Amino acid sequence: AARLQDLEEEPPLESLPLQPDDFLLRFAQAYPKLTANDLRICNLIRQNLANKEIAEALNITPGSLEQSRYRIRKKMGLSSKDNLNDLILRF
């Protein structure tokens, strides 16, 4: 069954909390294929949260988070050798 948040439209990028260095804005410009939800996940990764913590924060299952991470990597053009967390933390 679909959860309510799955049925809601994604909030605009402007409504996402920005880090002091405007990480989300820079990241969105560097990777324009990412959705607001993708960027929300990237922002949580940047806060060095574990996958379990990110899944709990977004009220999704760890499996759903893994799927999202896979799609983010694909949209970013990363190879299987590239570490998403490292890339985000270095960005």
C-alpha atoms as a PDB file:
ATOM      1  CA  ALA A   1       0.000   0.000   0.000  1.00  0.00           C
ATOM      2  CA  ALA A   2       1.277   3.447  -0.853  1.00  0.00           C
ATOM      3  CA  ARG A   3       2.083   5.696   2.045  1.00  0.00           C
ATOM      4  CA  LEU A   4       0.701   9.208   2.167  1.00  0.00           C
ATOM      5  CA  GLN A   5       4.095  10.828   1.655  1.00  0.00           C
ATOM      6  CA  ASP A   6       4.577   8.704  -1.469  1.00  0.00           C
ATOM      7  CA  LEU A   7       1.440  10.267  -2.927  1.00  0.00           C
ATOM      8  CA  GLU A   8       2.327  13.842  -2.110  1.00  0.00           C
ATOM      9  CA  GLU A   9       4.218  15.989  -4.557  1.00  0.00           C
ATOM     10  CA  GLU A  10       7.823  16.709  -3.747  1.00  0.00           C
ATOM     11  CA  PRO A  11       8.380  20.076  -2.135  1.00  0.00           C
ATOM     12  CA  PRO A  12      10.265  22.600  -4.239  1.00  0.00           C
ATOM     13  CA  LEU A  13      14.026  22.718  -3.818  1.00  0.00           C
ATOM     14  CA  GLU A  14      13.740  26.164  -2.252  1.00  0.00           C
ATOM     15  CA  SER A  15      11.871  24.669   0.712  1.00  0.00           C
ATOM     16  CA  LEU A  16      14.691  22.285   1.619  1.00  0.00           C
ATOM     17  CA  PRO A  17      16.917  23.474   4.450  1.00  0.00           C
ATOM     18  CA  LEU A  18      20.243  24.637   3.059  1.00  0.00           C
ATOM     19  CA  GLN A  19      23.551  24.052   4.731  1.00  0.00           C
ATOM     20  CA  PRO A  20      25.479  27.239   5.494  1.00  0.00           C
ATOM     21  CA  ASP A  21      27.628  26.648   2.408  1.00  0.00           C
ATOM     22  CA  ASP A  22      24.608  26.117   0.130  1.00  0.00           C
ATOM     23  CA  PHE A  23      25.559  22.502  -0.529  1.00  0.00           C
ATOM     24  CA  LEU A  24      22.126  21.606  -1.893  1.00  0.00           C
ATOM     25  CA  LEU A  25      22.086  24.440  -4.376  1.00  0.00           C
ATOM     26  CA  ARG A  26      25.582  23.646  -5.651  1.00  0.00           C
ATOM     27  CA  PHE A  27      24.846  19.913  -5.759  1.00  0.00           C
ATOM     28  CA  ALA A  28      21.567  20.467  -7.607  1.00  0.00           C
ATOM     29  CA  GLN A  29      23.367  22.599 -10.174  1.00  0.00           C
ATOM     30  CA  ALA A  30      26.104  19.996 -10.596  1.00  0.00           C
ATOM     31  CA  TYR A  31      23.591  17.143 -10.919  1.00  0.00           C
ATOM     32  CA  PRO A  32      20.407  18.591 -12.447  1.00  0.00           C
ATOM     33  CA  LYS A  33      18.743  15.185 -12.887  1.00  0.00           C
ATOM     34  CA  LEU A  34      18.365  14.786  -9.117  1.00  0.00           C
ATOM     35  CA  THR A  35      14.915  15.389  -7.667  1.00  0.00           C
ATOM     36  CA  ALA A  36      14.202  17.281  -4.460  1.00  0.00           C
ATOM     37  CA  ASN A  37      13.838  13.934  -2.697  1.00  0.00           C
ATOM     38  CA  ASP A  38      17.193  12.761  -4.085  1.00  0.00           C
ATOM     39  CA  LEU A  39      18.767  15.955  -2.783  1.00  0.00           C
ATOM     40  CA  ARG A  40      17.159  15.433   0.611  1.00  0.00           C
ATOM     41  CA  ILE A  41      18.806  12.004   0.791  1.00  0.00           C
ATOM     42  CA  CYS A  42      22.147  13.453  -0.317  1.00  0.00           C
ATOM     43  CA  ASN A  43      21.867  16.122   2.353  1.00  0.00           C
ATOM     44  CA  LEU A  44      21.280  13.465   5.015  1.00  0.00           C
ATOM     45  CA  ILE A  45      24.234  11.462   3.697  1.00  0.00           C
ATOM     46  CA  ARG A  46      26.304  14.626   3.973  1.00  0.00           C
ATOM     47  CA  GLN A  47      25.346  14.846   7.638  1.00  0.00           C
ATOM     48  CA  ASN A  48      27.134  11.502   8.007  1.00  0.00           C
ATOM     49  CA  LEU A  49      24.003   9.622   9.035  1.00  0.00           C
ATOM     50  CA  ALA A  50      23.888   5.853   8.710  1.00  0.00           C
ATOM     51  CA  ASN A  51      21.493   4.368   6.167  1.00  0.00           C
ATOM     52  CA  LYS A  52      19.245   3.172   8.983  1.00  0.00           C
ATOM     53  CA  GLU A  53      19.078   6.697  10.415  1.00  0.00           C
ATOM     54  CA  ILE A  54      18.335   8.182   6.998  1.00  0.00           C
ATOM     55  CA  ALA A  55      15.570   5.648   6.372  1.00  0.00           C
ATOM     56  CA  GLU A  56      14.038   6.425   9.763  1.00  0.00           C
ATOM     57  CA  ALA A  57      14.276  10.183   9.174  1.00  0.00           C
ATOM     58  CA  LEU A  58      12.458   9.806   5.851  1.00  0.00           C
ATOM     59  CA  ASN A  59      10.018   7.217   7.193  1.00  0.00           C
ATOM     60  CA  ILE A  60      10.984   4.689   4.529  1.00  0.00           C
ATOM     61  CA  THR A  61      12.377   1.176   4.701  1.00  0.00           C
ATOM     62  CA  PRO A  62      16.119   0.570   4.402  1.00  0.00           C
ATOM     63  CA  GLY A  63      15.355  -1.291   1.161  1.00  0.00           C
ATOM     64  CA  SER A  64      13.609   1.765  -0.266  1.00  0.00           C
ATOM     65  CA  LEU A  65      16.608   3.864   0.690  1.00  0.00           C
ATOM     66  CA  GLU A  66      18.940   1.443  -1.095  1.00  0.00           C
ATOM     67  CA  GLN A  67      16.785   1.746  -4.227  1.00  0.00           C
ATOM     68  CA  SER A  68      16.896   5.528  -3.941  1.00  0.00           C
ATOM     69  CA  ARG A  69      20.662   5.479  -3.511  1.00  0.00           C
ATOM     70  CA  TYR A  70      20.958   3.272  -6.601  1.00  0.00           C
ATOM     71  CA  ARG A  71      18.842   5.691  -8.634  1.00  0.00           C
ATOM     72  CA  ILE A  72      20.834   8.671  -7.357  1.00  0.00           C
ATOM     73  CA  ARG A  73      24.085   6.990  -8.398  1.00  0.00           C
ATOM     74  CA  LYS A  74      22.608   6.265 -11.825  1.00  0.00           C
ATOM     75  CA  LYS A  75      21.398   9.856 -12.290  1.00  0.00           C
ATOM     76  CA  MET A  76      24.838  11.107 -11.273  1.00  0.00           C
ATOM     77  CA  GLY A  77      26.570   8.781 -13.728  1.00  0.00           C
ATOM     78  CA  LEU A  78      28.614   7.041 -11.046  1.00  0.00           C
ATOM     79  CA  SER A  79      30.253   3.701 -11.655  1.00  0.00           C
ATOM     80  CA  SER A  80      30.000   0.806  -9.247  1.00  0.00           C
ATOM     81  CA  LYS A  81      33.499   1.710  -8.034  1.00  0.00           C
ATOM     82  CA  ASP A  82      32.469   5.223  -7.001  1.00  0.00           C
ATOM     83  CA  ASN A  83      31.406   5.685  -3.395  1.00  0.00           C
ATOM     84  CA  LEU A  84      28.344   7.932  -3.134  1.00  0.00           C
ATOM     85  CA  ASN A  85      29.058   8.889   0.473  1.00  0.00           C
ATOM     86  CA  ASP A  86      32.660   9.846  -0.271  1.00  0.00           C
ATOM     87  CA  LEU A  87      31.657  11.906  -3.286  1.00  0.00           C
ATOM     88  CA  ILE A  88      29.014  13.781  -1.300  1.00  0.00           C
ATOM     89  CA  LEU A  89      31.304  14.368   1.668  1.00  0.00           C
ATOM     90  CA  ARG A  90      34.061  15.699  -0.619  1.00  0.00           C
ATOM     91  CA  PHE A  91      31.725  17.886  -2.700  1.00  0.00           C
END
